[in-house]
Amino acid sequence: MKDVTVLTTSTCGYCKIAKEFLIQNKIHFIEKDVNVDAQARREMTSRNITGVPTFIIGNDVVVGFDKTRILELVDHRMVKCQNCGTAIRVPTNAGRIKARCPKCKSTLNL
């Protein structure tokens, strides 16, 4: 699965909305505030990025809050175990798969 990093600032309203969107869609992400994280700021500069929020999804970069593009690039989805309700991360576009619940050990055929 692709790593998702969000470059933000604490004063950016769109950054707050973008993080809520990721949380609501159960997309795991790492946040880096470019105002306090010098390495994140250097990464922005090296990629010629001038705005936040910026999403680094695998090798792809999305500058701005483009919900459709973000969901296209994220290569996983969350499903709930039918037995215990535990959320399980599974790959998208992988055809039919079997997933095992980490909590109750039941098998899900997806």
N, C-alpha and C. Protein backbone atom coordinates (compact mmCIF):
# COMPACT_ATOMS: atom_id res chain seq x y z
N MET A 1 0.83 -1.18 0.00
CA MET A 1 0.00 0.00 0.00
C MET A 1 0.88 1.25 0.00
N LYS A 2 0.38 2.26 -0.64
CA LYS A 2 1.14 3.50 -0.76
C LYS A 2 1.10 4.28 0.55
N ASP A 3 2.23 4.90 0.87
CA ASP A 3 2.28 5.81 2.01
C ASP A 3 1.63 7.12 1.61
N VAL A 4 0.93 7.74 2.56
CA VAL A 4 0.28 9.03 2.32
C VAL A 4 0.85 10.02 3.32
N THR A 5 1.45 11.09 2.80
CA THR A 5 1.98 12.17 3.63
C THR A 5 1.27 13.45 3.23
N VAL A 6 0.88 14.24 4.21
CA VAL A 6 0.21 15.51 3.95
C VAL A 6 1.08 16.63 4.50
N LEU A 7 1.47 17.53 3.62
CA LEU A 7 2.22 18.71 4.03
C LEU A 7 1.21 19.80 4.33
N THR A 8 1.30 20.37 5.54
CA THR A 8 0.30 21.32 6.01
C THR A 8 0.96 22.50 6.71
N THR A 9 0.11 23.44 7.12
CA THR A 9 0.48 24.46 8.10
C THR A 9 -0.65 24.51 9.11
N SER A 10 -0.35 24.95 10.30
CA SER A 10 -1.37 24.98 11.36
C SER A 10 -2.43 26.05 11.13
N THR A 11 -2.16 27.02 10.27
CA THR A 11 -3.11 28.10 10.03
C THR A 11 -3.95 27.91 8.77
N CYS A 12 -3.75 26.83 8.06
CA CYS A 12 -4.44 26.59 6.79
C CYS A 12 -5.78 25.90 7.02
N GLY A 13 -6.85 26.58 6.69
CA GLY A 13 -8.18 26.01 6.85
C GLY A 13 -8.42 24.81 5.94
N TYR A 14 -7.91 24.86 4.71
CA TYR A 14 -8.06 23.73 3.80
C TYR A 14 -7.31 22.50 4.30
N CYS A 15 -6.20 22.73 4.99
CA CYS A 15 -5.45 21.61 5.57
C CYS A 15 -6.28 20.87 6.60
N LYS A 16 -6.99 21.62 7.43
CA LYS A 16 -7.84 21.01 8.44
C LYS A 16 -8.96 20.20 7.80
N ILE A 17 -9.58 20.76 6.76
CA ILE A 17 -10.64 20.05 6.04
C ILE A 17 -10.08 18.80 5.37
N ALA A 18 -8.89 18.91 4.78
CA ALA A 18 -8.27 17.78 4.10
C ALA A 18 -7.96 16.65 5.08
N LYS A 19 -7.46 16.98 6.26
CA LYS A 19 -7.17 15.93 7.26
C LYS A 19 -8.45 15.25 7.70
N GLU A 20 -9.52 16.02 7.89
CA GLU A 20 -10.81 15.42 8.26
C GLU A 20 -11.31 14.48 7.17
N PHE A 21 -11.12 14.87 5.91
CA PHE A 21 -11.50 14.02 4.78
C PHE A 21 -10.76 12.69 4.83
N LEU A 22 -9.46 12.74 5.08
CA LEU A 22 -8.67 11.51 5.15
C LEU A 22 -9.14 10.64 6.31
N ILE A 23 -9.42 11.25 7.44
CA ILE A 23 -9.89 10.51 8.61
C ILE A 23 -11.24 9.88 8.31
N GLN A 24 -12.16 10.63 7.73
CA GLN A 24 -13.48 10.11 7.41
C GLN A 24 -13.42 8.95 6.43
N ASN A 25 -12.45 8.99 5.52
CA ASN A 25 -12.29 7.92 4.54
C ASN A 25 -11.35 6.82 5.01
N LYS A 26 -10.97 6.90 6.27
CA LYS A 26 -10.12 5.90 6.91
C LYS A 26 -8.81 5.65 6.12
N ILE A 27 -8.22 6.76 5.69
CA ILE A 27 -6.94 6.72 4.99
C ILE A 27 -5.85 7.10 5.98
N HIS A 28 -4.95 6.18 6.24
CA HIS A 28 -3.85 6.44 7.16
C HIS A 28 -2.89 7.44 6.50
N PHE A 29 -2.47 8.44 7.26
CA PHE A 29 -1.56 9.45 6.71
C PHE A 29 -0.62 9.94 7.79
N ILE A 30 0.47 10.53 7.33
CA ILE A 30 1.43 11.20 8.20
C ILE A 30 1.35 12.68 7.85
N GLU A 31 1.21 13.51 8.86
CA GLU A 31 1.14 14.95 8.66
C GLU A 31 2.50 15.56 8.97
N LYS A 32 2.92 16.49 8.10
CA LYS A 32 4.14 17.24 8.33
C LYS A 32 3.83 18.71 8.18
N ASP A 33 3.95 19.46 9.27
CA ASP A 33 3.71 20.90 9.27
C ASP A 33 4.98 21.59 8.77
N VAL A 34 4.89 22.21 7.61
CA VAL A 34 6.09 22.79 7.00
C VAL A 34 6.58 24.03 7.74
N ASN A 35 5.77 24.59 8.62
CA ASN A 35 6.23 25.73 9.41
C ASN A 35 7.14 25.33 10.56
N VAL A 36 7.06 24.09 10.99
CA VAL A 36 7.90 23.64 12.11
C VAL A 36 8.83 22.49 11.74
N ASP A 37 8.61 21.87 10.59
CA ASP A 37 9.42 20.72 10.16
C ASP A 37 10.32 21.16 9.00
N ALA A 38 11.59 21.41 9.31
CA ALA A 38 12.52 21.92 8.30
C ALA A 38 12.71 20.93 7.16
N GLN A 39 12.73 19.64 7.46
CA GLN A 39 12.90 18.63 6.41
C GLN A 39 11.71 18.65 5.46
N ALA A 40 10.50 18.79 5.98
CA ALA A 40 9.30 18.87 5.13
C ALA A 40 9.36 20.13 4.26
N ARG A 41 9.82 21.21 4.83
CA ARG A 41 9.95 22.46 4.08
C ARG A 41 10.96 22.30 2.94
N ARG A 42 12.08 21.62 3.20
CA ARG A 42 13.08 21.36 2.16
C ARG A 42 12.49 20.47 1.06
N GLU A 43 11.68 19.49 1.47
CA GLU A 43 11.05 18.61 0.48
C GLU A 43 10.12 19.42 -0.43
N MET A 44 9.36 20.33 0.15
CA MET A 44 8.50 21.20 -0.67
C MET A 44 9.33 22.00 -1.66
N THR A 45 10.41 22.59 -1.17
CA THR A 45 11.26 23.40 -2.03
C THR A 45 11.88 22.57 -3.14
N SER A 46 12.37 21.38 -2.82
CA SER A 46 13.02 20.54 -3.82
C SER A 46 12.05 20.08 -4.90
N ARG A 47 10.76 20.01 -4.57
CA ARG A 47 9.74 19.60 -5.55
C ARG A 47 9.04 20.80 -6.20
N ASN A 48 9.51 22.00 -5.88
CA ASN A 48 8.90 23.24 -6.39
C ASN A 48 7.42 23.35 -6.03
N ILE A 49 7.07 22.94 -4.84
CA ILE A 49 5.71 23.03 -4.35
C ILE A 49 5.59 24.32 -3.55
N THR A 50 4.53 25.08 -3.83
CA THR A 50 4.38 26.36 -3.14
C THR A 50 3.11 26.47 -2.32
N GLY A 51 2.30 25.41 -2.28
CA GLY A 51 1.04 25.52 -1.56
C GLY A 51 0.75 24.32 -0.69
N VAL A 52 -0.13 24.53 0.27
CA VAL A 52 -0.62 23.47 1.13
C VAL A 52 -2.15 23.50 1.09
N PRO A 53 -2.81 22.41 1.33
CA PRO A 53 -2.24 21.10 1.62
C PRO A 53 -1.64 20.47 0.36
N THR A 54 -0.59 19.72 0.56
CA THR A 54 0.01 18.92 -0.50
C THR A 54 0.01 17.48 -0.04
N PHE A 55 -0.43 16.60 -0.91
CA PHE A 55 -0.51 15.18 -0.61
C PHE A 55 0.56 14.46 -1.41
N ILE A 56 1.40 13.70 -0.72
CA ILE A 56 2.38 12.85 -1.38
C ILE A 56 1.88 11.42 -1.17
N ILE A 57 1.42 10.82 -2.28
CA ILE A 57 0.81 9.50 -2.23
C ILE A 57 1.66 8.58 -3.09
N GLY A 58 2.46 7.76 -2.41
CA GLY A 58 3.43 6.96 -3.15
C GLY A 58 4.42 7.90 -3.81
N ASN A 59 4.51 7.83 -5.14
CA ASN A 59 5.40 8.72 -5.90
C ASN A 59 4.66 9.90 -6.52
N ASP A 60 3.35 9.97 -6.30
CA ASP A 60 2.54 11.03 -6.88
C ASP A 60 2.35 12.19 -5.90
N VAL A 61 2.18 13.39 -6.45
CA VAL A 61 1.98 14.59 -5.64
C VAL A 61 0.70 15.27 -6.09
N VAL A 62 -0.13 15.63 -5.12
CA VAL A 62 -1.34 16.40 -5.39
C VAL A 62 -1.24 17.67 -4.57
N VAL A 63 -1.17 18.80 -5.25
CA VAL A 63 -1.13 20.09 -4.57
C VAL A 63 -2.55 20.63 -4.55
N GLY A 64 -3.04 20.92 -3.35
CA GLY A 64 -4.42 21.37 -3.19
C GLY A 64 -5.30 20.20 -2.80
N PHE A 65 -6.52 20.51 -2.44
CA PHE A 65 -7.45 19.52 -1.90
C PHE A 65 -8.36 19.00 -3.01
N ASP A 66 -7.86 18.01 -3.77
CA ASP A 66 -8.59 17.40 -4.88
C ASP A 66 -9.06 16.02 -4.43
N LYS A 67 -10.27 15.95 -3.90
CA LYS A 67 -10.79 14.70 -3.33
C LYS A 67 -10.75 13.55 -4.32
N THR A 68 -11.20 13.80 -5.53
CA THR A 68 -11.27 12.74 -6.53
C THR A 68 -9.89 12.17 -6.82
N ARG A 69 -8.93 13.03 -7.03
CA ARG A 69 -7.57 12.57 -7.35
C ARG A 69 -6.95 11.81 -6.18
N ILE A 70 -7.19 12.29 -4.98
CA ILE A 70 -6.65 11.62 -3.79
C ILE A 70 -7.20 10.21 -3.70
N LEU A 71 -8.50 10.06 -3.86
CA LEU A 71 -9.11 8.72 -3.78
C LEU A 71 -8.65 7.82 -4.91
N GLU A 72 -8.39 8.39 -6.09
CA GLU A 72 -7.87 7.60 -7.21
C GLU A 72 -6.48 7.05 -6.90
N LEU A 73 -5.66 7.85 -6.24
CA LEU A 73 -4.26 7.46 -6.01
C LEU A 73 -4.09 6.52 -4.82
N VAL A 74 -4.96 6.61 -3.85
CA VAL A 74 -4.85 5.74 -2.68
C VAL A 74 -5.23 4.33 -3.12
N ASP A 75 -4.39 3.37 -2.85
CA ASP A 75 -4.60 2.02 -3.36
C ASP A 75 -5.15 1.05 -2.32
N HIS A 76 -5.94 1.56 -1.41
CA HIS A 76 -6.57 0.68 -0.43
C HIS A 76 -7.93 1.22 -0.03
N ARG A 77 -8.70 0.36 0.58
CA ARG A 77 -10.00 0.75 1.11
C ARG A 77 -10.18 0.05 2.44
N MET A 78 -11.14 0.51 3.19
CA MET A 78 -11.44 -0.10 4.48
C MET A 78 -12.76 -0.85 4.37
N VAL A 79 -12.76 -2.06 4.90
CA VAL A 79 -14.00 -2.84 5.00
C VAL A 79 -14.16 -3.26 6.45
N LYS A 80 -15.40 -3.56 6.82
CA LYS A 80 -15.65 -4.00 8.19
C LYS A 80 -15.86 -5.51 8.20
N CYS A 81 -15.28 -6.14 9.20
CA CYS A 81 -15.50 -7.56 9.42
C CYS A 81 -16.98 -7.77 9.70
N GLN A 82 -17.57 -8.73 9.02
CA GLN A 82 -19.00 -8.98 9.19
C GLN A 82 -19.31 -9.60 10.55
N ASN A 83 -18.31 -10.21 11.18
CA ASN A 83 -18.54 -10.86 12.47
C ASN A 83 -18.37 -9.92 13.65
N CYS A 84 -17.28 -9.13 13.65
CA CYS A 84 -16.99 -8.32 14.84
C CYS A 84 -16.96 -6.81 14.58
N GLY A 85 -17.01 -6.40 13.30
CA GLY A 85 -17.04 -4.98 12.99
C GLY A 85 -15.69 -4.29 12.93
N THR A 86 -14.61 -5.05 13.08
CA THR A 86 -13.27 -4.47 13.01
C THR A 86 -12.98 -3.96 11.61
N ALA A 87 -12.40 -2.78 11.50
CA ALA A 87 -12.02 -2.21 10.21
C ALA A 87 -10.75 -2.89 9.71
N ILE A 88 -10.77 -3.29 8.45
CA ILE A 88 -9.64 -3.99 7.84
C ILE A 88 -9.25 -3.25 6.57
N ARG A 89 -7.97 -2.96 6.41
CA ARG A 89 -7.46 -2.29 5.22
C ARG A 89 -7.17 -3.35 4.15
N VAL A 90 -7.77 -3.18 2.96
CA VAL A 90 -7.56 -4.12 1.86
C VAL A 90 -7.20 -3.35 0.60
N PRO A 91 -6.45 -3.97 -0.31
CA PRO A 91 -6.06 -3.28 -1.54
C PRO A 91 -7.25 -3.12 -2.48
N THR A 92 -7.22 -2.06 -3.28
CA THR A 92 -8.22 -1.88 -4.32
C THR A 92 -7.67 -2.44 -5.62
N ASN A 93 -8.54 -2.70 -6.55
CA ASN A 93 -8.16 -3.18 -7.89
C ASN A 93 -7.28 -4.42 -7.84
N ALA A 94 -7.54 -5.30 -6.88
CA ALA A 94 -6.75 -6.53 -6.77
C ALA A 94 -7.58 -7.76 -7.13
N GLY A 95 -8.75 -7.52 -7.70
CA GLY A 95 -9.63 -8.64 -8.03
C GLY A 95 -10.23 -9.23 -6.76
N ARG A 96 -10.61 -10.48 -6.82
CA ARG A 96 -11.18 -11.15 -5.66
C ARG A 96 -10.06 -11.49 -4.69
N ILE A 97 -10.25 -11.12 -3.44
CA ILE A 97 -9.23 -11.39 -2.43
C ILE A 97 -9.87 -11.97 -1.19
N LYS A 98 -9.05 -12.61 -0.39
CA LYS A 98 -9.46 -13.08 0.93
C LYS A 98 -8.68 -12.27 1.95
N ALA A 99 -9.39 -11.79 2.95
CA ALA A 99 -8.74 -11.05 4.03
C ALA A 99 -9.10 -11.72 5.35
N ARG A 100 -8.17 -11.69 6.28
CA ARG A 100 -8.40 -12.30 7.59
C ARG A 100 -8.50 -11.20 8.63
N CYS A 101 -9.55 -11.25 9.44
CA CYS A 101 -9.74 -10.26 10.48
C CYS A 101 -8.68 -10.46 11.57
N PRO A 102 -7.97 -9.40 11.93
CA PRO A 102 -6.94 -9.54 12.96
C PRO A 102 -7.51 -9.77 14.35
N LYS A 103 -8.79 -9.42 14.54
CA LYS A 103 -9.39 -9.53 15.86
C LYS A 103 -10.04 -10.91 16.08
N CYS A 104 -10.98 -11.27 15.19
CA CYS A 104 -11.73 -12.53 15.41
C CYS A 104 -11.25 -13.68 14.53
N LYS A 105 -10.30 -13.39 13.63
CA LYS A 105 -9.67 -14.39 12.76
C LYS A 105 -10.61 -14.96 11.69
N SER A 106 -11.77 -14.37 11.48
CA SER A 106 -12.66 -14.87 10.43
C SER A 106 -12.12 -14.43 9.07
N THR A 107 -12.48 -15.17 8.04
CA THR A 107 -12.03 -14.88 6.68
C THR A 107 -13.12 -14.14 5.93
N LEU A 108 -12.73 -13.08 5.25
CA LEU A 108 -13.66 -12.30 4.43
C LEU A 108 -13.30 -12.54 2.98
N ASN A 109 -14.28 -12.93 2.17
CA ASN A 109 -14.08 -13.08 0.73
C ASN A 109 -14.58 -11.82 0.05
N LEU A 110 -13.67 -11.09 -0.53
CA LEU A 110 -14.02 -9.79 -1.14
C LEU A 110 -13.76 -9.83 -2.64
